[in-house]
Amino acid sequence: MKDTFESGSCICIGSTRSGKSEAAVRKILAAASLGWAVVCIDPHSDSLAWRALLHLIAEGHERRILFERLSSLDRVLGISGIRCSQAENPIERAAENEELVDHYTELFTRRSGQQSLSDSPLKEEGVRLGVAHMIDQNPRRPDSYFRYVFEPEHPKFTELLQGSTSEAIRFQFGKIASGATRVSQYASAKRLINATVGSIPYLARSRSSFDLGAFLNNRGVLLVEGGYSGVSDEARRTVMGGMILRTIQFIRTRRKASPRVLLVLDEATNAGLISQSGFECKAMAECQKWGLDFLTLVQQPNFPRDVSQQIFSNCVRHEYFLPRQQNWWARSCSGRRASS
């Protein structure tokens, strides 16, 4: 079932049962056969990730595979929690942490089809402050503490306050502890954070129990699917978004551009896996030379306008699938950017 494979990011567009998943499985098999690492994010159950799993095992790649179903909680990968910069230079570390605050804030506020909080500045400011507080901890605290950043009466709030290394952030939360900051100023941010971070699927995967970088350096294949009931859309979107962010972080910080990594995003628009901030689009543009290719599958390319332009510019192949040609490639409007 393996297909010919070319490096370079690709976007696949087509309705349900048009053959996108079959083509994606072929690309995953081909990439794995070439020795690439693969990260496949699939919000469905028994769909793309599951088919890829069956075919990869049939091709003899079972020792390289980890399969994660978000609705299964007996064994989980601690991969999606908040991570601070590991840079040794303090100035570089501070700059990277500032960028991470932006990315994690966007990730935690990407709920219920809402791609931006530009119309809710108070809520966005509260979430940013909470994320910065978690990143700023020494020693690092588990993500379960995130629920208590706006709970001044809880003992973990005191631990977070004592562990903060930023005088400015410590001052802000000191005002919350003393009551100088009114509850109404952070109540909306608190509700938004708890809706996601308080979910069991997120908490179970927010521990530092899995070294994604080492796994990908060993040419591993990580297949993640949404699973069945028990996982809310907000939790699914946040956990998967965290895995995407961790993959991009690894690519940007590793010292060599091999092995190459294929990052597959199924239902990228319907599942909210592409942010309005353009973080993933920026990674498409920057990380190609560092060994990261995107394979993005959508039913309709209904991204925000600026994001859509970036995606089509940074994908060297555009492939379109027609319903009447099921289980095979559609009329090929694919090819290099010049012909698409």
Protein backbone atom coordinates (compact mmCIF):
# COMPACT_ATOMS: atom_id res chain seq x y z
CA MET A 1 0.00 0.00 0.00
CA LYS A 2 3.02 2.29 0.15
CA ASP A 3 3.02 5.32 -2.11
CA THR A 4 5.76 7.37 -3.66
CA PHE A 5 6.76 10.10 -1.27
CA GLU A 6 8.24 13.56 -1.67
CA SER A 7 9.43 15.82 1.11
CA GLY A 8 7.69 19.15 1.59
CA SER A 9 4.50 20.19 3.37
CA CYS A 10 1.21 19.21 1.73
CA ILE A 11 -2.46 20.15 2.14
CA CYS A 12 -5.17 17.63 1.15
CA ILE A 13 -8.69 18.94 0.51
CA GLY A 14 -11.77 16.80 0.02
CA SER A 15 -15.13 15.84 1.49
CA THR A 16 -15.83 12.77 3.62
CA ARG A 17 -15.15 9.46 1.82
CA SER A 18 -13.21 11.14 -0.95
CA GLY A 19 -10.01 9.20 -0.26
CA LYS A 20 -7.98 11.68 1.81
CA SER A 21 -7.34 9.21 4.62
CA GLU A 22 -6.27 6.43 2.25
CA ALA A 23 -3.78 8.76 0.60
CA ALA A 24 -2.54 9.94 4.01
CA VAL A 25 -1.98 6.33 5.17
CA ARG A 26 0.11 5.73 2.05
CA LYS A 27 2.21 8.80 2.80
CA ILE A 28 2.70 7.74 6.44
CA LEU A 29 3.81 4.27 5.34
CA ALA A 30 6.20 5.72 2.78
CA ALA A 31 7.69 8.18 5.27
CA ALA A 32 8.14 5.45 7.89
CA SER A 33 9.80 3.19 5.32
CA LEU A 34 12.26 5.99 4.54
CA GLY A 35 13.23 6.16 8.22
CA TRP A 36 11.26 9.29 9.05
CA ALA A 37 9.66 9.86 12.44
CA VAL A 38 5.88 10.43 12.32
CA VAL A 39 3.39 12.22 14.57
CA CYS A 40 -0.23 11.70 13.47
CA ILE A 41 -2.99 13.70 15.18
CA ASP A 42 -6.48 12.37 14.40
CA PRO A 43 -9.51 13.71 16.37
CA HIS A 44 -11.72 10.78 15.25
CA SER A 45 -11.80 7.20 16.49
CA ASP A 46 -10.96 4.16 14.35
CA SER A 47 -10.10 6.41 11.43
CA LEU A 48 -6.79 7.63 9.99
CA ALA A 49 -4.56 6.84 12.99
CA TRP A 50 -6.10 3.38 13.41
CA ARG A 51 -5.72 2.50 9.72
CA ALA A 52 -2.12 3.71 9.77
CA LEU A 53 -1.49 1.53 12.84
CA LEU A 54 -2.77 -1.62 11.12
CA HIS A 55 -0.75 -1.05 7.95
CA LEU A 56 2.43 -0.07 9.82
CA ILE A 57 2.24 -3.28 11.86
CA ALA A 58 1.70 -5.28 8.66
CA GLU A 59 4.84 -3.65 7.22
CA GLY A 60 6.90 -4.66 10.26
CA HIS A 61 7.17 -1.28 12.04
CA GLU A 62 5.46 -2.35 15.28
CA ARG A 63 8.57 -1.73 17.44
CA ARG A 64 8.58 1.93 16.40
CA ILE A 65 4.91 2.65 17.18
CA LEU A 66 3.12 4.23 20.11
CA PHE A 67 -0.66 4.46 19.80
CA GLU A 68 -2.55 6.87 22.08
CA ARG A 69 -6.35 7.02 22.36
CA LEU A 70 -7.47 10.02 24.42
CA SER A 71 -10.51 8.25 25.84
CA SER A 72 -8.31 5.47 27.26
CA LEU A 73 -6.87 6.31 30.66
CA ASP A 74 -5.25 3.06 31.81
CA ARG A 75 -1.92 3.94 30.15
CA VAL A 76 -1.25 7.46 28.92
CA LEU A 77 1.67 9.49 27.59
CA GLY A 78 2.61 12.49 29.71
CA ILE A 79 3.34 14.76 26.79
CA SER A 80 0.95 17.69 26.47
CA GLY A 81 1.58 19.77 29.59
CA ILE A 82 3.10 23.24 29.82
CA ARG A 83 6.85 23.22 29.22
CA CYS A 84 9.24 26.10 29.75
CA SER A 85 12.30 26.86 27.63
CA GLN A 86 15.38 24.70 28.19
CA ALA A 87 17.83 27.21 26.71
CA GLU A 88 21.02 27.68 28.75
CA ASN A 89 21.42 31.38 27.92
CA PRO A 90 19.14 33.33 30.31
CA ILE A 91 18.29 35.99 27.73
CA GLU A 92 17.43 33.38 25.11
CA ARG A 93 15.43 31.45 27.71
CA ALA A 94 13.43 34.55 28.65
CA ALA A 95 12.67 35.30 24.98
CA GLU A 96 11.55 31.73 24.31
CA ASN A 97 9.39 31.69 27.43
CA GLU A 98 7.68 34.90 26.32
CA GLU A 99 6.88 33.29 22.98
CA LEU A 100 5.62 30.15 24.75
CA VAL A 101 3.25 32.25 26.86
CA ASP A 102 1.66 33.51 23.63
CA HIS A 103 1.34 30.00 22.20
CA TYR A 104 -0.07 28.38 25.33
CA THR A 105 -2.48 31.26 25.89
CA GLU A 106 -3.85 30.81 22.38
CA LEU A 107 -4.05 27.05 22.95
CA PHE A 108 -6.01 27.27 26.21
CA THR A 109 -8.42 29.85 24.78
CA ARG A 110 -9.12 27.90 21.58
CA ARG A 111 -12.49 26.58 22.72
CA SER A 112 -15.92 25.89 21.23
CA GLY A 113 -14.95 27.14 17.80
CA GLN A 114 -13.66 30.38 19.30
CA GLN A 115 -10.28 31.01 17.70
CA SER A 116 -9.46 34.31 19.36
CA LEU A 117 -10.16 36.32 22.50
CA SER A 118 -9.49 39.67 20.90
CA ASP A 119 -13.00 40.76 21.90
CA SER A 120 -12.44 39.65 25.53
CA PRO A 121 -9.22 41.39 26.59
CA LEU A 122 -9.80 40.89 30.31
CA LYS A 123 -10.20 37.13 29.89
CA GLU A 124 -7.18 36.91 27.59
CA GLU A 125 -5.05 38.95 29.98
CA GLY A 126 -6.02 36.65 32.86
CA VAL A 127 -5.15 33.49 30.94
CA ARG A 128 -1.81 35.00 29.83
CA LEU A 129 -0.98 35.87 33.43
CA GLY A 130 -1.83 32.34 34.61
CA VAL A 131 0.25 30.71 31.86
CA ALA A 132 3.21 33.01 32.58
CA HIS A 133 2.91 32.11 36.28
CA MET A 134 3.10 28.38 35.49
CA ILE A 135 6.06 28.76 33.10
CA ASP A 136 7.89 30.91 35.62
CA GLN A 137 8.01 28.27 38.40
CA ASN A 138 11.18 26.98 40.05
CA PRO A 139 10.93 24.10 40.69
CA ARG A 140 8.54 23.27 37.88
CA ARG A 141 5.01 22.48 39.03
CA PRO A 142 2.70 19.88 37.45
CA ASP A 143 -0.13 21.18 35.28
CA SER A 144 -2.66 20.15 37.92
CA TYR A 145 -1.55 23.29 39.79
CA PHE A 146 -2.84 25.42 36.90
CA ARG A 147 -6.36 25.09 38.31
CA TYR A 148 -5.29 26.98 41.44
CA VAL A 149 -3.57 30.04 39.98
CA PHE A 150 -6.70 32.07 40.78
CA GLU A 151 -7.62 30.27 44.03
CA PRO A 152 -5.95 32.44 46.71
CA GLU A 153 -7.37 30.36 49.57
CA HIS A 154 -5.92 27.07 48.29
CA PRO A 155 -2.51 25.84 49.60
CA LYS A 156 -1.25 25.26 46.05
CA PHE A 157 -1.78 28.95 45.29
CA THR A 158 0.73 29.71 48.04
CA GLU A 159 3.19 27.18 46.61
CA LEU A 160 2.93 28.82 43.19
CA LEU A 161 3.44 32.25 44.69
CA GLN A 162 6.56 31.08 46.55
CA GLY A 163 7.94 29.31 43.46
CA SER A 164 7.64 32.30 41.13
CA THR A 165 10.98 33.67 39.89
CA SER A 166 9.53 36.84 38.36
CA GLU A 167 9.10 39.81 40.66
CA ALA A 168 6.46 41.35 38.38
CA ILE A 169 4.32 38.20 38.25
CA ARG A 170 4.75 37.61 41.98
CA PHE A 171 3.51 41.16 42.59
CA GLN A 172 0.39 40.57 40.46
CA PHE A 173 -0.55 37.38 42.30
CA GLY A 174 0.30 38.98 45.62
CA LYS A 175 -2.43 41.52 44.87
CA ILE A 176 -4.85 38.64 44.24
CA ALA A 177 -3.85 37.02 47.54
CA SER A 178 -4.38 40.27 49.48
CA GLY A 179 -7.72 41.01 47.80
CA ALA A 180 -6.44 44.18 46.13
CA THR A 181 -7.42 42.65 42.78
CA ARG A 182 -11.15 42.08 42.62
CA VAL A 183 -12.47 38.59 41.83
CA SER A 184 -14.44 39.94 38.88
CA GLN A 185 -11.19 40.83 37.13
CA TYR A 186 -10.02 37.22 36.86
CA ALA A 187 -13.23 35.16 37.26
CA SER A 188 -13.77 34.69 33.51
CA ALA A 189 -10.17 33.52 32.98
CA LYS A 190 -10.52 31.15 35.93
CA ARG A 191 -13.66 29.55 34.45
CA LEU A 192 -12.03 29.15 31.04
CA ILE A 193 -8.89 27.51 32.48
CA ASN A 194 -10.84 25.12 34.69
CA ALA A 195 -13.04 23.98 31.79
CA THR A 196 -10.00 22.46 30.10
CA VAL A 197 -7.31 21.91 32.70
CA GLY A 198 -9.80 20.37 35.11
CA SER A 199 -10.68 17.58 32.67
CA ILE A 200 -9.33 14.11 33.43
CA PRO A 201 -7.94 13.43 29.90
CA TYR A 202 -5.85 16.60 30.11
CA LEU A 203 -4.62 16.08 33.66
CA ALA A 204 -3.66 12.49 32.92
CA ARG A 205 -1.36 13.62 30.09
CA SER A 206 0.14 16.73 31.64
CA ARG A 207 2.89 14.89 33.54
CA SER A 208 6.50 14.73 32.33
CA SER A 209 6.56 10.96 31.85
CA PHE A 210 7.36 10.73 28.13
CA ASP A 211 10.44 12.03 26.29
CA LEU A 212 9.03 12.97 22.90
CA GLY A 213 12.39 14.21 21.63
CA ALA A 214 14.18 10.93 22.33
CA PHE A 215 11.28 9.00 20.79
CA LEU A 216 11.39 11.00 17.56
CA ASN A 217 15.19 10.87 17.40
CA ASN A 218 14.81 7.08 17.42
CA ARG A 219 12.50 7.38 14.36
CA GLY A 220 9.39 6.63 16.38
CA VAL A 221 5.84 6.77 15.05
CA LEU A 222 3.31 8.40 17.40
CA LEU A 223 -0.35 7.87 16.46
CA VAL A 224 -2.92 9.84 18.48
CA GLU A 225 -6.69 9.58 18.03
CA GLY A 226 -9.56 11.29 19.83
CA GLY A 227 -11.26 8.13 20.99
CA TYR A 228 -14.83 7.65 22.10
CA SER A 229 -16.98 9.26 24.81
CA GLY A 230 -15.51 10.87 27.90
CA VAL A 231 -13.38 13.49 26.15
CA SER A 232 -14.88 16.94 25.65
CA ASP A 233 -14.13 18.95 22.53
CA GLU A 234 -12.21 21.47 24.64
CA ALA A 235 -10.03 18.80 26.26
CA ARG A 236 -9.42 17.05 22.92
CA ARG A 237 -8.48 20.30 21.22
CA THR A 238 -6.13 21.32 24.03
CA VAL A 239 -4.39 17.96 24.45
CA MET A 240 -3.82 17.57 20.71
CA GLY A 241 -2.76 21.18 20.36
CA GLY A 242 -0.26 20.63 23.17
CA MET A 243 1.18 17.62 21.34
CA ILE A 244 1.55 19.66 18.15
CA LEU A 245 3.25 22.44 20.11
CA ARG A 246 5.64 19.99 21.78
CA THR A 247 6.58 18.49 18.40
CA ILE A 248 7.35 21.92 16.96
CA GLN A 249 9.32 22.85 20.09
CA PHE A 250 11.43 19.72 19.69
CA ILE A 251 12.16 20.47 16.03
CA ARG A 252 13.22 24.04 16.82
CA THR A 253 15.58 23.05 19.63
CA ARG A 254 17.26 19.90 18.34
CA ARG A 255 20.81 20.16 17.10
CA LYS A 256 20.50 18.33 13.80
CA ALA A 257 17.85 18.13 11.10
CA SER A 258 17.56 14.34 11.06
CA PRO A 259 15.61 12.21 11.17
CA ARG A 260 12.96 14.15 9.33
CA VAL A 261 9.55 14.29 11.01
CA LEU A 262 6.14 14.10 9.31
CA LEU A 263 3.42 15.85 11.32
CA VAL A 264 -0.06 14.76 10.15
CA LEU A 265 -3.11 16.85 11.14
CA ASP A 266 -6.46 15.30 10.25
CA GLU A 267 -9.61 17.48 10.21
CA ALA A 268 -7.38 20.47 10.88
CA THR A 269 -10.18 23.03 10.57
CA ASN A 270 -13.12 21.13 12.10
CA ALA A 271 -11.05 20.04 15.11
CA GLY A 272 -9.38 23.43 15.60
CA LEU A 273 -5.82 22.13 15.13
CA ILE A 274 -4.68 25.23 13.22
CA SER A 275 -4.71 28.44 15.24
CA GLN A 276 -5.70 31.90 14.10
CA SER A 277 -2.43 33.21 15.49
CA GLY A 278 -0.63 31.42 12.66
CA PHE A 279 1.78 29.52 14.93
CA GLU A 280 1.53 26.31 12.90
CA CYS A 281 1.83 28.28 9.65
CA LYS A 282 4.99 29.93 10.94
CA ALA A 283 6.35 26.48 11.76
CA MET A 284 5.56 25.32 8.21
CA ALA A 285 7.67 28.17 6.87
CA GLU A 286 10.56 27.95 9.34
CA CYS A 287 10.89 24.27 10.22
CA GLN A 288 11.16 22.77 6.75
CA LYS A 289 14.91 23.34 6.80
CA TRP A 290 15.06 21.79 10.28
CA GLY A 291 13.43 18.56 9.14
CA LEU A 292 9.68 19.01 9.71
CA ASP A 293 7.00 18.45 7.06
CA PHE A 294 3.27 18.97 7.57
CA LEU A 295 0.51 16.86 6.04
CA THR A 296 -2.74 18.77 6.64
CA LEU A 297 -6.14 17.23 5.82
CA VAL A 298 -9.31 19.33 5.64
CA GLN A 299 -12.79 19.01 4.18
CA GLN A 300 -12.93 22.69 3.36
CA PRO A 301 -10.01 25.15 3.50
CA ASN A 302 -12.10 27.53 5.59
CA PHE A 303 -9.19 28.94 7.56
CA PRO A 304 -9.15 32.61 8.52
CA ARG A 305 -8.01 34.59 5.50
CA ASP A 306 -4.46 35.36 6.64
CA VAL A 307 -3.93 31.79 7.84
CA SER A 308 -5.26 30.36 4.58
CA GLN A 309 -2.82 32.42 2.53
CA GLN A 310 0.10 31.28 4.68
CA ILE A 311 -0.86 27.61 4.49
CA PHE A 312 -1.24 27.58 0.72
CA SER A 313 2.03 29.49 0.35
CA ASN A 314 3.99 27.18 2.64
CA CYS A 315 2.60 23.88 1.30
CA VAL A 316 4.52 22.86 -1.81
CA ARG A 317 1.77 20.42 -2.80
CA HIS A 318 -1.99 21.00 -2.92
CA GLU A 319 -4.03 17.82 -3.43
CA TYR A 320 -7.79 17.76 -4.13
CA PHE A 321 -10.07 14.73 -3.77
CA LEU A 322 -13.44 14.14 -5.41
CA PRO A 323 -16.18 11.97 -3.79
CA ARG A 324 -16.83 9.93 -6.93
CA GLN A 325 -13.24 8.65 -6.90
CA GLN A 326 -13.29 7.00 -3.51
CA ASN A 327 -10.36 5.01 -2.14
CA TRP A 328 -7.88 6.49 -4.58
CA TRP A 329 -6.32 9.81 -5.45
CA ALA A 330 -8.70 12.28 -6.98
CA ARG A 331 -8.13 14.12 -10.20
CA SER A 332 -4.67 15.42 -9.57
CA CYS A 333 -4.62 19.11 -8.97
CA SER A 334 -1.64 18.29 -6.83
CA GLY A 335 1.87 19.13 -7.77
CA ARG A 336 4.25 21.91 -7.09
CA ARG A 337 3.12 25.32 -5.98
CA ALA A 338 3.47 26.74 -9.47
CA SER A 339 0.78 24.44 -10.83
CA SER A 340 -1.66 24.63 -7.90
